[in-house]
Amino acid sequence: MVHSRGGTVGQSGRRHGGGAVSRQAGASSGLGADLHLDDLELRAGHGLRASLMEALREAVRSGRLAPGTRLPSSRVLAADLSVARNTVADAYAELAAEGWLTSRQGSGTRVARRTAPRRAVGEPLPGPSPSAPGPVRGANARYDLLPGSPTLAAFPRAQWLAAARRAVTAAPNDAFGYGDPRGRIELRTALAGYLARARGVRVDPDRVIVCAGFVHGLRLIGSVLGARGVRTVAVEAYGVPQYRSLLTDAGLHTPGLPLDGDGTVTSALPGVRGAGAVLLTPAHQFPTGVPLTPRRRAAVVDWARGTGGLVLEDDYDGEFRYDRQPVGALQSLDPERVVYFGTASKSLAPGLRIGWMVVPRAMVAEVVAAKGHSDWAPGAIGQLTLAEFIASGAYDRHVRAMRLRYRRRRDQLVDAIAERAPGIRVTGIAAGLHAVLELPPGTEESVTSAAAWQGLAVDGLRSYVHEDAAGLPGVRKRAALVVGYGTPPDSAWHGALDALCRVLP
């Protein structure tokens, strides 16, 4: 039934007594269902159109109006509610623009088909799953703007296949055995040359350890730290919850460090009791996008030297800097106090499951021993192919081409926001594959909820806040979206931009 200010209208359209209006949508209308909208009594500051829109939204949210349900025509519903037809038509049009409804010539107005699950009235909106990688969390969305993934459609299939053919043809027989637990020497040698040239890492192949991505590498280092007696690893106040959970599962305490406009406040480290290591994203803090200043870089290395601690450097997207030369790796300041992590996940594809660590010389044997127990590493053919891909120059060419592509996308994102949501400030865009859209205070939940109903997968900044960071200055007051502009294929990019702009306040 549709409840309104008037009496009750049955299928015949005749008014019955009572304090509400209802219309049974029967066979003659082809609707086959009651609307059962909440009471539309005018309230202070709310017009009939706004009340009708909110009632329809709530009916869709709760699942009372299922996806695909056909609604009464604006003429019929206006007659039932005793309101002007324009009031209903305007409400339908605005809800269609927001993505709640769809309207097509000859098909009428229907509830939009959405991927978001129904929820009961009063049920809290689900947050993102911290332990699931971005592509899994956004798999059912019409548009995926979650951070953490490159444009998978741009993977260089032909060049990769050619490199694989050359690598396998030239590989020695022992390449297909169990081999060195550090990884294939061909890949470690190629990585040593590339990292020294492109990221300023001080490295030789003996200190490179190939792993199955950053999570695998961090798990190995966490095991080594625990065996050394370390009980506390400081982390950034904003970061990937899965990484904190991984360290916690290894028996390590993970207190948060505050951030400001200069990056992580490394001067807070001496106040973290018992800290034996710190996990940082110094080149492009994730997710805020702030680089660590030279002074703070020096300070964290001085802390490590003075305490015997370690800096764990996650260089997750160091190749993609747009407005000036890339910020070099922190590791170059002291290779014996910094563990450097890198992967092919952003530069090529996460599905390759290839990452690498450059560890202090004194740690090599310990990490190799931990890795031997895990028996979890990328296959030899993948390692050989990546080694050939790097050695042939194809990797550099691919990174340069993707850098141009992502810079264009970043610029298109910034231009679209400036034109269609000029009150939104875009930050953290000097590098990487994501941007931070600063929202008005208190609006993050409503915006992410509206995005879900638009079929748009996007994260709020709050999903990356350290659970124990409430006492850190300004951490929980910030409302923002973390927008991964590298993820959509070209065919979906402009649609994703349009959907994003529609939900911004």
Protein backbone atom coordinates (compact mmCIF):
# COMPACT_ATOMS: atom_id res chain seq x y z
CA MET A 1 0.00 0.00 0.00
CA VAL A 2 1.00 3.61 -0.51
CA HIS A 3 0.36 5.58 2.65
CA SER A 4 -0.30 9.29 2.29
CA ARG A 5 -2.25 12.14 3.83
CA GLY A 6 -5.61 11.27 2.30
CA GLY A 7 -8.01 8.35 2.47
CA THR A 8 -7.50 4.88 1.06
CA VAL A 9 -7.80 4.18 -2.64
CA GLY A 10 -8.51 0.61 -3.74
CA GLN A 11 -8.01 -0.99 -7.15
CA SER A 12 -11.04 0.81 -8.47
CA GLY A 13 -9.44 4.11 -7.64
CA ARG A 14 -12.38 5.14 -5.40
CA ARG A 15 -11.50 6.79 -2.13
CA HIS A 16 -12.32 4.98 1.10
CA GLY A 17 -12.30 6.46 4.54
CA GLY A 18 -9.30 6.46 6.82
CA GLY A 19 -6.15 8.38 7.56
CA ALA A 20 -3.98 7.01 4.75
CA VAL A 21 -4.00 6.46 1.02
CA SER A 22 -3.22 3.07 -0.49
CA ARG A 23 -3.37 1.58 -3.94
CA GLN A 24 -3.43 -2.14 -4.55
CA ALA A 25 -1.45 -2.70 -7.74
CA GLY A 26 -3.42 -5.51 -9.31
CA ALA A 27 -3.67 -7.31 -12.59
CA SER A 28 -5.13 -4.34 -14.41
CA SER A 29 -2.01 -2.30 -13.76
CA GLY A 30 0.41 -5.13 -14.43
CA LEU A 31 2.35 -4.31 -11.27
CA GLY A 32 1.46 -7.34 -9.21
CA ALA A 33 2.57 -5.99 -5.84
CA ASP A 34 1.68 -3.45 -3.17
CA LEU A 35 4.16 -0.65 -2.66
CA HIS A 36 3.60 -0.37 1.12
CA LEU A 37 5.39 2.95 1.39
CA ASP A 38 5.76 4.61 4.74
CA ASP A 39 3.56 7.52 5.79
CA LEU A 40 4.12 10.63 3.71
CA GLU A 41 2.85 13.16 6.23
CA LEU A 42 4.52 16.51 5.69
CA ARG A 43 7.09 17.27 8.36
CA ALA A 44 8.84 20.50 9.13
CA GLY A 45 11.34 21.20 6.40
CA HIS A 46 10.23 18.25 4.24
CA GLY A 47 8.04 18.57 1.16
CA LEU A 48 5.91 15.83 -0.37
CA ARG A 49 8.49 15.12 -3.08
CA ALA A 50 11.31 14.68 -0.53
CA SER A 51 9.08 12.50 1.68
CA LEU A 52 8.06 10.34 -1.28
CA MET A 53 11.70 9.94 -2.39
CA GLU A 54 12.85 8.87 1.07
CA ALA A 55 9.97 6.40 1.41
CA LEU A 56 10.87 4.84 -1.94
CA ARG A 57 14.57 4.68 -1.03
CA GLU A 58 13.79 2.91 2.22
CA ALA A 59 11.49 0.46 0.45
CA VAL A 60 14.34 -0.43 -1.92
CA ARG A 61 16.96 -0.59 0.85
CA SER A 62 14.90 -2.98 2.93
CA GLY A 63 14.10 -5.21 -0.04
CA ARG A 64 10.34 -4.54 0.07
CA LEU A 65 10.73 -3.27 -3.49
CA ALA A 66 12.83 -5.90 -5.20
CA PRO A 67 15.12 -5.16 -8.15
CA GLY A 68 13.13 -5.10 -11.36
CA THR A 69 9.80 -4.26 -9.67
CA ARG A 70 7.67 -2.03 -11.88
CA LEU A 71 6.25 1.05 -10.14
CA PRO A 72 2.94 2.75 -10.85
CA SER A 73 3.01 5.44 -13.52
CA SER A 74 3.43 8.99 -12.28
CA ARG A 75 -0.19 9.68 -13.27
CA VAL A 76 -1.59 6.73 -11.30
CA LEU A 77 0.57 7.30 -8.21
CA ALA A 78 -0.18 11.04 -8.23
CA ALA A 79 -3.90 10.30 -8.33
CA ASP A 80 -3.58 7.82 -5.48
CA LEU A 81 -1.64 10.32 -3.37
CA SER A 82 -3.76 13.32 -4.31
CA VAL A 83 -0.68 15.26 -5.36
CA ALA A 84 0.40 16.94 -8.57
CA ARG A 85 1.69 14.57 -11.23
CA ASN A 86 4.86 16.67 -11.50
CA THR A 87 5.65 15.89 -7.85
CA VAL A 88 5.77 12.16 -8.57
CA ALA A 89 7.46 12.59 -11.96
CA ASP A 90 10.19 14.76 -10.40
CA ALA A 91 10.71 12.24 -7.58
CA TYR A 92 11.02 9.39 -10.08
CA ALA A 93 13.46 11.38 -12.23
CA GLU A 94 15.70 12.27 -9.30
CA LEU A 95 15.73 8.72 -7.96
CA ALA A 96 16.61 7.48 -11.44
CA ALA A 97 19.50 9.97 -11.58
CA GLU A 98 20.68 8.67 -8.19
CA GLY A 99 20.55 5.10 -9.50
CA TRP A 100 17.63 3.82 -7.40
CA LEU A 101 15.22 3.54 -10.33
CA THR A 102 15.42 3.03 -14.08
CA SER A 103 13.05 4.43 -16.66
CA ARG A 104 12.70 3.29 -20.27
CA GLN A 105 10.24 4.12 -23.01
CA GLY A 106 7.56 1.44 -23.10
CA SER A 107 8.87 -0.33 -19.99
CA GLY A 108 7.82 2.14 -17.33
CA THR A 109 9.69 2.93 -14.15
CA ARG A 110 11.32 0.05 -12.30
CA VAL A 111 13.53 -0.53 -9.30
CA ALA A 112 17.12 -0.66 -10.54
CA ARG A 113 18.84 -4.02 -10.53
CA ARG A 114 21.65 -3.77 -8.01
CA THR A 115 24.47 -5.94 -6.78
CA ALA A 116 24.29 -4.63 -3.20
CA PRO A 117 22.63 -7.10 -0.80
CA ARG A 118 19.34 -6.27 0.83
CA ARG A 119 19.38 -5.28 4.45
CA ALA A 120 16.67 -5.05 7.03
CA VAL A 121 15.54 -1.68 8.31
CA GLY A 122 17.98 -0.56 10.99
CA GLU A 123 20.63 -3.09 10.05
CA PRO A 124 24.08 -1.43 9.88
CA LEU A 125 25.69 -1.04 6.50
CA PRO A 126 28.43 -3.64 5.96
CA GLY A 127 31.97 -2.38 5.74
CA PRO A 128 34.59 -3.71 3.34
CA SER A 129 36.26 -6.97 4.21
CA PRO A 130 39.80 -5.97 5.24
CA SER A 131 41.22 -9.40 4.54
CA ALA A 132 39.88 -9.71 1.01
CA PRO A 133 41.95 -8.22 -1.82
CA GLY A 134 40.42 -5.42 -3.84
CA PRO A 135 39.48 -7.34 -7.01
CA VAL A 136 37.50 -9.92 -4.96
CA ARG A 137 35.61 -7.27 -3.01
CA GLY A 138 34.63 -5.42 -6.20
CA ALA A 139 33.91 -8.46 -8.35
CA ASN A 140 30.12 -8.03 -8.39
CA ALA A 141 30.06 -4.26 -8.76
CA ARG A 142 29.12 -2.59 -12.00
CA TYR A 143 32.02 -0.18 -11.53
CA ASP A 144 35.10 -1.01 -9.45
CA LEU A 145 37.02 1.94 -8.01
CA LEU A 146 38.60 0.03 -5.14
CA PRO A 147 42.31 0.76 -4.70
CA GLY A 148 44.99 -1.88 -5.00
CA SER A 149 44.78 -3.14 -8.56
CA PRO A 150 46.12 -2.02 -11.95
CA THR A 151 44.12 -2.11 -15.19
CA LEU A 152 44.16 -5.87 -15.71
CA ALA A 153 42.99 -5.55 -19.32
CA ALA A 154 46.30 -3.79 -20.06
CA PHE A 155 48.42 -6.78 -19.09
CA PRO A 156 51.00 -7.19 -21.92
CA ARG A 157 49.94 -10.67 -22.99
CA ALA A 158 51.85 -10.86 -26.27
CA GLN A 159 55.10 -9.56 -24.79
CA TRP A 160 54.75 -11.80 -21.73
CA LEU A 161 54.15 -14.83 -23.93
CA ALA A 162 57.19 -14.00 -26.05
CA ALA A 163 59.32 -13.60 -22.92
CA ALA A 164 58.03 -16.92 -21.57
CA ARG A 165 58.92 -18.69 -24.80
CA ARG A 166 62.46 -17.28 -24.79
CA ALA A 167 62.93 -17.96 -21.07
CA VAL A 168 61.74 -21.57 -21.18
CA THR A 169 63.76 -22.30 -24.33
CA ALA A 170 66.96 -21.00 -22.75
CA ALA A 171 66.38 -22.36 -19.24
CA PRO A 172 68.80 -24.98 -17.90
CA ASN A 173 67.34 -28.30 -16.83
CA ASP A 174 67.83 -27.56 -13.15
CA ALA A 175 65.48 -24.58 -13.48
CA PHE A 176 62.60 -27.03 -13.25
CA GLY A 177 63.77 -28.55 -9.97
CA TYR A 178 63.20 -27.28 -6.43
CA GLY A 179 66.09 -24.84 -6.68
CA ASP A 180 67.36 -22.11 -4.38
CA PRO A 181 64.80 -21.07 -1.72
CA ARG A 182 65.80 -17.45 -2.40
CA GLY A 183 64.36 -17.79 -5.92
CA ARG A 184 65.82 -18.25 -9.40
CA ILE A 185 69.19 -16.56 -9.83
CA GLU A 186 68.07 -15.18 -13.21
CA LEU A 187 65.26 -13.23 -11.56
CA ARG A 188 67.30 -12.13 -8.55
CA THR A 189 69.99 -10.81 -10.88
CA ALA A 190 67.50 -8.98 -13.09
CA LEU A 191 65.76 -7.49 -10.05
CA ALA A 192 69.03 -6.34 -8.51
CA GLY A 193 69.88 -4.39 -11.66
CA TYR A 194 66.39 -2.94 -12.05
CA LEU A 195 65.95 -1.91 -8.41
CA ALA A 196 69.36 -0.22 -8.30
CA ARG A 197 68.60 1.71 -11.49
CA ALA A 198 64.92 2.57 -11.02
CA ARG A 199 64.46 2.76 -7.24
CA GLY A 200 67.96 3.53 -5.92
CA VAL A 201 68.07 0.32 -3.88
CA ARG A 202 71.55 -0.78 -2.76
CA VAL A 203 71.44 -4.47 -3.55
CA ASP A 204 73.20 -7.54 -4.89
CA PRO A 205 71.44 -10.75 -6.01
CA ASP A 206 72.44 -12.67 -2.88
CA ARG A 207 70.25 -10.41 -0.73
CA VAL A 208 67.16 -10.62 -2.96
CA ILE A 209 64.55 -13.16 -1.84
CA VAL A 210 61.68 -13.92 -4.18
CA CYS A 211 58.30 -14.44 -2.54
CA ALA A 212 54.65 -14.81 -3.54
CA GLY A 213 53.71 -11.18 -3.00
CA PHE A 214 53.88 -8.68 -0.15
CA VAL A 215 51.69 -10.67 2.25
CA HIS A 216 53.97 -13.68 1.91
CA GLY A 217 57.05 -11.53 2.45
CA LEU A 218 55.58 -9.79 5.49
CA ARG A 219 54.58 -13.14 6.96
CA LEU A 220 58.18 -14.37 6.61
CA ILE A 221 59.62 -11.23 8.21
CA GLY A 222 57.06 -11.41 11.02
CA SER A 223 58.18 -14.97 11.72
CA VAL A 224 61.83 -13.91 11.80
CA LEU A 225 61.11 -10.95 14.09
CA GLY A 226 59.20 -13.19 16.48
CA ALA A 227 62.06 -15.67 16.55
CA ARG A 228 64.41 -12.79 17.37
CA GLY A 229 62.30 -11.86 20.38
CA VAL A 230 60.63 -8.79 18.88
CA ARG A 231 57.16 -8.28 20.30
CA THR A 232 56.13 -4.90 18.88
CA VAL A 233 56.03 -3.58 15.30
CA ALA A 234 54.80 0.01 14.96
CA VAL A 235 52.52 0.70 11.98
CA GLU A 236 50.95 3.75 10.36
CA ALA A 237 47.61 5.03 11.68
CA TYR A 238 46.13 4.53 8.23
CA GLY A 239 46.97 1.31 6.41
CA VAL A 240 45.70 -2.05 5.14
CA PRO A 241 43.97 -3.86 8.04
CA GLN A 242 45.05 -7.25 6.67
CA TYR A 243 48.70 -6.37 7.20
CA ARG A 244 48.11 -5.43 10.83
CA SER A 245 46.15 -8.65 11.33
CA LEU A 246 48.96 -10.69 9.82
CA LEU A 247 51.48 -9.23 12.27
CA THR A 248 49.06 -9.67 15.15
CA ASP A 249 48.54 -13.31 14.20
CA ALA A 250 52.32 -13.72 14.44
CA GLY A 251 52.12 -12.63 18.09
CA LEU A 252 53.28 -9.06 17.45
CA HIS A 253 51.73 -5.95 18.97
CA THR A 254 51.01 -3.24 16.35
CA PRO A 255 50.59 0.24 17.88
CA GLY A 256 49.73 3.04 15.46
CA LEU A 257 51.80 6.09 14.60
CA PRO A 258 50.07 9.39 13.76
CA LEU A 259 50.24 11.01 10.32
CA ASP A 260 50.19 14.60 9.15
CA GLY A 261 51.04 16.56 6.01
CA ASP A 262 54.65 15.35 6.13
CA GLY A 263 53.75 11.67 6.34
CA THR A 264 54.11 9.35 9.31
CA VAL A 265 55.29 11.11 12.47
CA THR A 266 58.45 9.10 12.94
CA SER A 267 59.46 11.22 15.92
CA ALA A 268 56.80 9.28 17.86
CA LEU A 269 58.77 6.03 17.52
CA PRO A 270 60.98 6.49 20.62
CA GLY A 271 57.78 6.68 22.66
CA VAL A 272 56.55 3.27 21.45
CA ARG A 273 57.67 0.94 24.20
CA GLY A 274 59.54 -2.13 23.00
CA ALA A 275 59.21 -1.43 19.29
CA GLY A 276 61.68 -3.60 17.35
CA ALA A 277 60.48 -2.63 13.88
CA VAL A 278 58.22 -0.21 12.02
CA LEU A 279 56.18 -0.84 8.86
CA LEU A 280 56.05 2.18 6.51
CA THR A 281 54.95 3.17 3.00
CA PRO A 282 57.39 6.08 2.67
CA ALA A 283 57.26 6.85 -1.07
CA HIS A 284 53.46 7.17 -1.19
CA GLN A 285 51.70 6.56 2.11
CA PHE A 286 48.79 4.17 1.71
CA PRO A 287 46.07 5.28 1.59
CA THR A 288 46.56 9.02 2.25
CA GLY A 289 49.17 9.45 -0.52
CA VAL A 290 51.55 11.63 1.50
CA PRO A 291 55.29 10.99 0.93
CA LEU A 292 57.60 10.84 3.92
CA THR A 293 59.76 13.96 4.06
CA PRO A 294 63.57 13.69 3.91
CA ARG A 295 63.89 14.78 7.55
CA ARG A 296 61.53 12.04 8.73
CA ARG A 297 63.24 9.48 6.53
CA ALA A 298 66.53 10.30 8.19
CA ALA A 299 64.89 10.23 11.61
CA VAL A 300 63.45 6.73 11.21
CA VAL A 301 66.80 5.37 10.02
CA ASP A 302 68.52 7.03 12.98
CA TRP A 303 65.96 5.38 15.27
CA ALA A 304 66.71 1.97 13.72
CA ARG A 305 70.46 2.45 14.12
CA GLY A 306 70.16 3.64 17.69
CA THR A 307 67.83 0.87 18.86
CA GLY A 308 68.88 -2.03 16.64
CA GLY A 309 65.41 -1.99 15.12
CA LEU A 310 64.32 -2.55 11.53
CA VAL A 311 62.38 -0.46 9.03
CA LEU A 312 60.02 -2.51 6.84
CA GLU A 313 59.61 -0.51 3.62
CA ASP A 314 56.56 -1.34 1.49
CA ASP A 315 57.33 0.22 -1.91
CA TYR A 316 53.97 -0.86 -3.33
CA ASP A 317 53.70 1.57 -6.27
CA GLY A 318 57.08 3.28 -6.44
CA GLU A 319 57.23 3.17 -10.26
CA PHE A 320 54.22 5.43 -10.71
CA ARG A 321 55.11 9.02 -9.92
CA TYR A 322 53.73 11.72 -12.19
CA ASP A 323 54.71 15.25 -11.25
CA ARG A 324 58.43 14.87 -10.60
CA GLN A 325 61.16 12.26 -10.44
CA PRO A 326 60.27 9.20 -8.33
CA VAL A 327 61.11 9.32 -4.66
CA GLY A 328 63.99 6.88 -4.14
CA ALA A 329 63.76 3.95 -1.80
CA LEU A 330 64.35 4.58 1.90
CA GLN A 331 66.49 1.44 1.89
CA SER A 332 69.36 3.33 0.26
CA LEU A 333 69.94 5.26 3.51
CA ASP A 334 70.97 2.10 5.37
CA PRO A 335 70.66 -1.32 3.66
CA GLU A 336 71.48 -3.10 6.92
CA ARG A 337 68.58 -1.55 8.83
CA VAL A 338 65.84 -1.62 6.16
CA VAL A 339 63.92 -4.53 4.64
CA TYR A 340 62.68 -3.48 1.20
CA PHE A 341 59.49 -5.03 -0.27
CA GLY A 342 58.34 -4.80 -3.88
CA THR A 343 55.95 -6.73 -6.12
CA ALA A 344 54.71 -7.03 -9.68
CA SER A 345 51.12 -6.60 -8.47
CA LYS A 346 50.74 -2.93 -9.45
CA SER A 347 53.20 -2.77 -12.34
CA LEU A 348 51.92 -5.93 -14.07
CA ALA A 349 49.19 -7.94 -12.33
CA PRO A 350 48.55 -9.37 -8.85
CA GLY A 351 47.67 -12.74 -10.38
CA LEU A 352 51.35 -13.37 -11.15
CA ARG A 353 51.94 -13.79 -7.39
CA ILE A 354 55.53 -12.57 -7.62
CA GLY A 355 57.13 -10.29 -5.08
CA TRP A 356 60.58 -9.70 -3.70
CA MET A 357 62.45 -8.61 -0.62
CA VAL A 358 65.88 -7.07 -0.27
CA VAL A 359 67.00 -7.94 3.24
CA PRO A 360 69.99 -6.95 5.38
CA ARG A 361 72.85 -9.36 4.88
CA ALA A 362 72.64 -10.58 8.47
CA MET A 363 69.00 -11.64 7.94
CA VAL A 364 69.35 -13.64 4.73
CA ALA A 365 69.85 -17.02 6.38
CA GLU A 366 66.97 -16.46 8.83
CA VAL A 367 64.52 -15.46 6.09
CA VAL A 368 65.61 -18.37 3.87
CA ALA A 369 65.04 -20.77 6.77
CA ALA A 370 61.56 -19.33 7.40
CA LYS A 371 60.74 -19.49 3.69
CA GLY A 372 61.87 -23.10 3.48
CA HIS A 373 59.29 -24.07 6.07
CA SER A 374 56.45 -22.27 4.30
CA ASP A 375 56.94 -23.96 0.89
CA TRP A 376 55.00 -21.10 -0.69
CA ALA A 377 56.63 -19.36 -3.62
CA PRO A 378 56.00 -18.48 -7.27
CA GLY A 379 56.77 -21.17 -9.85
CA ALA A 380 60.04 -21.32 -11.73
CA ILE A 381 58.50 -20.56 -15.12
CA GLY A 382 56.91 -17.36 -13.84
CA GLN A 383 60.21 -16.28 -12.30
CA LEU A 384 62.15 -17.05 -15.47
CA THR A 385 59.61 -15.17 -17.58
CA LEU A 386 59.75 -12.06 -15.39
CA ALA A 387 63.55 -12.19 -15.46
CA GLU A 388 63.49 -12.23 -19.27
CA PHE A 389 60.78 -9.55 -19.35
CA ILE A 390 62.99 -7.24 -17.28
CA ALA A 391 66.25 -8.08 -19.06
CA SER A 392 64.75 -7.47 -22.52
CA GLY A 393 63.57 -3.98 -21.61
CA ALA A 394 59.90 -4.94 -21.97
CA TYR A 395 59.24 -4.25 -18.28
CA ASP A 396 60.57 -0.69 -18.52
CA ARG A 397 58.54 -0.03 -21.67
CA HIS A 398 55.39 -1.37 -20.06
CA VAL A 399 55.87 0.72 -16.91
CA ARG A 400 56.43 3.88 -18.97
CA ALA A 401 53.29 3.23 -21.03
CA MET A 402 51.19 2.55 -17.92
CA ARG A 403 52.57 5.62 -16.20
CA LEU A 404 51.22 7.76 -19.06
CA ARG A 405 47.87 5.93 -19.00
CA TYR A 406 47.41 6.33 -15.25
CA ARG A 407 48.46 9.96 -15.34
CA ARG A 408 45.76 10.64 -17.96
CA ARG A 409 43.21 8.90 -15.78
CA ARG A 410 44.30 10.84 -12.74
CA ASP A 411 43.94 14.10 -14.66
CA GLN A 412 40.50 13.09 -15.95
CA LEU A 413 39.43 12.28 -12.39
CA VAL A 414 40.65 15.63 -11.09
CA ASP A 415 38.98 17.52 -13.97
CA ALA A 416 35.67 15.70 -13.50
CA ILE A 417 35.59 16.43 -9.78
CA ALA A 418 36.48 20.10 -10.36
CA GLU A 419 33.64 20.46 -12.87
CA ARG A 420 30.89 18.41 -11.23
CA ALA A 421 31.73 18.47 -7.51
CA PRO A 422 33.84 21.62 -7.04
CA GLY A 423 33.52 21.48 -3.26
CA ILE A 424 35.49 18.21 -3.10
CA ARG A 425 39.27 18.44 -2.68
CA VAL A 426 41.38 15.72 -4.34
CA THR A 427 44.63 14.83 -2.54
CA GLY A 428 47.41 12.22 -2.62
CA ILE A 429 47.69 12.34 -6.42
CA ALA A 430 51.40 12.92 -7.03
CA ALA A 431 51.91 9.18 -7.45
CA GLY A 432 50.25 5.81 -7.41
CA LEU A 433 46.97 4.37 -8.65
CA HIS A 434 44.52 5.98 -6.24
CA ALA A 435 43.38 9.38 -5.02
CA VAL A 436 41.77 10.61 -1.82
CA LEU A 437 38.58 12.67 -2.15
CA GLU A 438 38.05 14.81 0.94
CA LEU A 439 34.38 14.86 1.99
CA PRO A 440 32.42 17.18 4.28
CA PRO A 441 32.61 15.97 7.90
CA GLY A 442 30.10 13.27 8.73
CA THR A 443 29.22 12.35 5.14
CA GLU A 444 31.50 9.37 4.46
CA GLU A 445 28.98 6.67 5.39
CA SER A 446 26.13 8.22 3.39
CA VAL A 447 28.35 8.63 0.32
CA THR A 448 29.68 5.05 0.41
CA SER A 449 26.11 3.80 0.91
CA ALA A 450 24.89 5.81 -2.10
CA ALA A 451 27.83 4.47 -4.11
CA ALA A 452 26.87 0.88 -3.30
CA TRP A 453 23.36 1.49 -4.57
CA GLN A 454 24.83 2.94 -7.76
CA GLY A 455 26.70 -0.33 -8.30
CA LEU A 456 29.95 1.48 -7.53
CA ALA A 457 32.60 -0.23 -5.39
CA VAL A 458 34.66 2.38 -3.54
CA ASP A 459 36.26 2.50 -0.10
CA GLY A 460 35.83 5.08 2.61
CA LEU A 461 38.97 6.24 4.38
CA ARG A 462 37.60 5.01 7.70
CA SER A 463 38.04 1.39 6.56
CA TYR A 464 41.82 1.90 6.75
CA VAL A 465 42.00 3.51 10.19
CA HIS A 466 43.99 1.63 12.82
CA GLU A 467 41.52 0.22 15.33
CA ASP A 468 43.54 1.67 18.23
CA ALA A 469 44.13 5.08 16.64
CA ALA A 470 41.17 6.94 18.15
CA GLY A 471 43.48 8.91 20.42
CA LEU A 472 45.81 10.06 17.64
CA PRO A 473 45.36 13.70 16.55
CA GLY A 474 42.64 14.17 13.92
CA VAL A 475 42.62 10.56 12.74
CA ARG A 476 38.94 9.68 13.13
CA LYS A 477 37.53 13.11 12.22
CA ARG A 478 38.57 12.88 8.57
CA ALA A 479 35.90 11.90 6.04
CA ALA A 480 37.11 10.84 2.59
CA LEU A 481 36.87 8.33 -0.24
CA VAL A 482 39.85 6.28 -1.44
CA VAL A 483 39.35 6.02 -5.20
CA GLY A 484 41.36 3.48 -7.20
CA TYR A 485 41.48 4.92 -10.69
CA GLY A 486 43.71 2.19 -12.08
CA THR A 487 41.18 -0.63 -11.70
CA PRO A 488 38.43 -0.14 -14.35
CA PRO A 489 39.02 -1.26 -17.92
CA ASP A 490 38.90 1.52 -20.50
CA SER A 491 35.35 0.56 -21.48
CA ALA A 492 34.10 1.21 -17.93
CA TRP A 493 36.27 4.16 -16.95
CA HIS A 494 33.99 7.04 -17.98
CA GLY A 495 30.91 5.26 -16.60
CA ALA A 496 32.74 4.81 -13.30
CA LEU A 497 33.61 8.52 -13.26
CA ASP A 498 29.97 9.47 -13.90
CA ALA A 499 28.75 7.16 -11.13
CA LEU A 500 31.32 8.59 -8.72
CA CYS A 501 30.36 12.19 -9.45
CA ARG A 502 26.68 11.41 -8.94
CA VAL A 503 27.20 10.28 -5.35
CA LEU A 504 29.46 13.14 -4.24
CA PRO A 505 27.83 15.80 -2.04
